[in-house]
């Protein structure tokens, strides 16, 4: 195949609850990556929830997480 045809792709909307769940899991994993114990992660849940309130799309969240991991 010499040429790839780009067709429009319809992606369903993701609910805010699903976004919150994905962000919370990612933030917990990030905290564990930096050596925070699972028991201590609960101390950060309020901050994670506050952070999640501003996330309306997963793409900018992914960029923020990637910038933190690189540091």
Protein backbone atom coordinates (compact mmCIF):
# COMPACT_ATOMS: atom_id res chain seq x y z
CA UNK A 1 0.00 0.00 0.00
CA UNK A 2 1.60 3.22 -1.15
CA UNK A 3 -0.78 5.63 0.48
CA UNK A 4 -2.71 5.59 3.70
CA UNK A 5 -6.13 7.17 3.49
CA UNK A 6 -7.12 9.21 6.51
CA UNK A 7 -10.74 8.75 7.42
CA UNK A 8 -12.58 10.69 10.10
CA UNK A 9 -12.87 8.72 13.31
CA UNK A 10 -15.65 9.28 15.77
CA UNK A 11 -14.55 8.93 19.39
CA UNK A 12 -17.21 8.77 22.10
CA UNK A 13 -17.16 11.33 24.88
CA UNK A 14 -15.66 10.23 28.17
CA UNK A 15 -17.56 10.97 31.37
CA UNK A 16 -16.06 13.15 34.08
CA UNK A 17 -16.25 10.18 36.46
CA UNK A 18 -14.09 8.12 34.09
CA UNK A 19 -11.64 11.00 33.71
CA UNK A 20 -11.42 11.30 37.51
CA UNK A 21 -10.83 7.56 37.85
CA UNK A 22 -8.08 7.48 35.22
CA UNK A 23 -6.40 10.57 36.67
CA UNK A 24 -6.56 9.23 40.23
CA UNK A 25 -5.03 5.90 39.23
CA UNK A 26 -2.29 7.67 37.25
CA UNK A 27 -1.51 10.03 40.12
CA UNK A 28 -1.32 7.13 42.57
CA UNK A 29 1.08 5.33 40.22
CA UNK A 30 3.14 8.51 39.88
CA UNK A 31 3.38 8.86 43.66
CA UNK A 32 4.49 5.22 43.95
CA UNK A 33 7.05 5.88 41.20
CA UNK A 34 8.56 8.58 43.42
CA UNK A 35 8.72 6.22 46.40
CA UNK A 36 5.56 7.08 48.33
CA UNK A 37 4.22 4.05 50.21
CA UNK A 38 0.72 2.80 49.40
CA UNK A 39 -0.36 3.62 52.95
CA UNK A 40 0.91 7.19 52.64
CA UNK A 41 -0.78 7.78 49.28
CA UNK A 42 -4.10 8.26 51.07
CA UNK A 43 -2.67 11.49 52.52
CA UNK A 44 -2.50 12.88 48.97
CA UNK A 45 -6.03 11.94 47.85
CA UNK A 46 -7.52 15.38 48.62
CA UNK A 47 -4.81 17.08 46.55
CA UNK A 48 -5.34 14.57 43.74
CA UNK A 49 -9.10 15.25 43.76
CA UNK A 50 -8.47 18.99 43.64
CA UNK A 51 -6.06 18.51 40.74
CA UNK A 52 -8.62 16.30 38.94
CA UNK A 53 -11.35 18.96 39.14
CA UNK A 54 -9.54 21.00 36.50
CA UNK A 55 -9.04 18.11 34.09
CA UNK A 56 -11.67 18.05 31.36
CA UNK A 57 -9.65 16.14 28.76
CA UNK A 58 -7.06 13.40 29.14
CA UNK A 59 -4.60 14.84 26.61
CA UNK A 60 -3.47 17.82 28.73
CA UNK A 61 -3.38 15.54 31.78
CA UNK A 62 -1.06 13.16 29.94
CA UNK A 63 1.22 16.06 29.04
CA UNK A 64 1.40 17.20 32.67
CA UNK A 65 2.14 13.69 33.93
CA UNK A 66 4.81 13.16 31.28
CA UNK A 67 6.48 16.45 32.21
CA UNK A 68 6.58 15.37 35.86
CA UNK A 69 8.01 11.93 35.07
CA UNK A 70 10.78 13.42 32.94
CA UNK A 71 11.93 15.62 35.82
